Amino acid sequence: MGVSSARATVLQQGEGLSVAQVAERVAEAERRERETRQQLDSPAANRGPYDGDPQDLAER
């Protein structure tokens, strides 16, 4: 979900909210999306031997 998708979702759910409330929810959605992207991009210490980069697995 991109920033514009997050914004569109909040706007769809935001009927009756003030401009400030919508902006706050958009910022929160963007923050969560950024955190999720960082988690997916970072190596996880608890991953099993078959999770991770397919190229690295092929080399093993």
C-alpha atoms as a PDB file:
ATOM      1  CA  MET A   1       0.000   0.000   0.000  1.00  0.00           C
ATOM      2  CA  GLY A   2       1.522   3.276  -1.044  1.00  0.00           C
ATOM      3  CA  VAL A   3       1.115   6.653   0.575  1.00  0.00           C
ATOM      4  CA  SER A   4      -1.695   7.566  -1.797  1.00  0.00           C
ATOM      5  CA  SER A   5      -3.430   4.252  -1.052  1.00  0.00           C
ATOM      6  CA  ALA A   6      -3.128   4.867   2.694  1.00  0.00           C
ATOM      7  CA  ARG A   7      -4.515   8.358   2.207  1.00  0.00           C
ATOM      8  CA  ALA A   8      -7.415   7.068   0.087  1.00  0.00           C
ATOM      9  CA  THR A   9      -8.295   4.426   2.688  1.00  0.00           C
ATOM     10  CA  VAL A  10      -8.303   6.957   5.502  1.00  0.00           C
ATOM     11  CA  LEU A  11     -10.380   9.383   3.466  1.00  0.00           C
ATOM     12  CA  GLN A  12     -12.930   6.659   2.715  1.00  0.00           C
ATOM     13  CA  GLN A  13     -13.184   5.792   6.400  1.00  0.00           C
ATOM     14  CA  GLY A  14     -12.924   9.406   7.530  1.00  0.00           C
ATOM     15  CA  GLU A  15     -16.367  10.736   6.720  1.00  0.00           C
ATOM     16  CA  GLY A  16     -17.354  13.135   9.484  1.00  0.00           C
ATOM     17  CA  LEU A  17     -13.781  13.681  10.684  1.00  0.00           C
ATOM     18  CA  SER A  18     -12.130  17.072  10.757  1.00  0.00           C
ATOM     19  CA  VAL A  19      -9.260  17.878   8.405  1.00  0.00           C
ATOM     20  CA  ALA A  20      -6.843  17.615  11.340  1.00  0.00           C
ATOM     21  CA  GLN A  21      -8.187  14.178  12.303  1.00  0.00           C
ATOM     22  CA  VAL A  22      -7.848  12.911   8.739  1.00  0.00           C
ATOM     23  CA  ALA A  23      -4.299  14.277   8.536  1.00  0.00           C
ATOM     24  CA  GLU A  24      -3.459  12.570  11.848  1.00  0.00           C
ATOM     25  CA  ARG A  25      -4.820   9.231  10.636  1.00  0.00           C
ATOM     26  CA  VAL A  26      -2.962   9.528   7.338  1.00  0.00           C
ATOM     27  CA  ALA A  27       0.275  10.228   9.210  1.00  0.00           C
ATOM     28  CA  GLU A  28      -0.343   7.200  11.451  1.00  0.00           C
ATOM     29  CA  ALA A  29      -1.040   4.959   8.434  1.00  0.00           C
ATOM     30  CA  GLU A  30       2.139   6.186   6.741  1.00  0.00           C
ATOM     31  CA  ARG A  31       4.147   5.521   9.913  1.00  0.00           C
ATOM     32  CA  ARG A  32       2.775   1.970  10.211  1.00  0.00           C
ATOM     33  CA  GLU A  33       3.479   1.330   6.540  1.00  0.00           C
ATOM     34  CA  ARG A  34       7.058   2.598   6.926  1.00  0.00           C
ATOM     35  CA  GLU A  35       7.603   0.364   9.990  1.00  0.00           C
ATOM     36  CA  THR A  36       6.207  -2.669   8.171  1.00  0.00           C
ATOM     37  CA  ARG A  37       8.453  -1.999   5.178  1.00  0.00           C
ATOM     38  CA  GLN A  38      11.481  -1.700   7.489  1.00  0.00           C
ATOM     39  CA  GLN A  39      10.598  -4.979   9.217  1.00  0.00           C
ATOM     40  CA  LEU A  40      10.254  -6.755   5.889  1.00  0.00           C
ATOM     41  CA  ASP A  41      13.538  -5.312   4.612  1.00  0.00           C
ATOM     42  CA  SER A  42      15.569  -6.099   7.740  1.00  0.00           C
ATOM     43  CA  PRO A  43      17.013  -9.538   8.424  1.00  0.00           C
ATOM     44  CA  ALA A  44      15.104 -11.288  11.188  1.00  0.00           C
ATOM     45  CA  ALA A  45      17.133 -13.106  13.813  1.00  0.00           C
ATOM     46  CA  ASN A  46      14.375 -15.644  14.446  1.00  0.00           C
ATOM     47  CA  ARG A  47      13.901 -16.793  10.882  1.00  0.00           C
ATOM     48  CA  GLY A  48      14.377 -20.434  10.152  1.00  0.00           C
ATOM     49  CA  PRO A  49      17.025 -21.773   7.799  1.00  0.00           C
ATOM     50  CA  TYR A  50      14.647 -21.671   4.813  1.00  0.00           C
ATOM     51  CA  ASP A  51      13.326 -18.119   5.271  1.00  0.00           C
ATOM     52  CA  GLY A  52      15.105 -15.199   3.739  1.00  0.00           C
ATOM     53  CA  ASP A  53      16.806 -14.400   0.494  1.00  0.00           C
ATOM     54  CA  PRO A  54      16.238 -17.098  -2.152  1.00  0.00           C
ATOM     55  CA  GLN A  55      19.654 -16.435  -3.680  1.00  0.00           C
ATOM     56  CA  ASP A  56      21.339 -16.954  -0.309  1.00  0.00           C
ATOM     57  CA  LEU A  57      19.360 -20.179   0.180  1.00  0.00           C
ATOM     58  CA  ALA A  58      20.446 -21.425  -3.256  1.00  0.00           C
ATOM     59  CA  GLU A  59      24.081 -20.759  -2.368  1.00  0.00           C
ATOM     60  CA  ARG A  60      23.743 -22.740   0.867  1.00  0.00           C
END
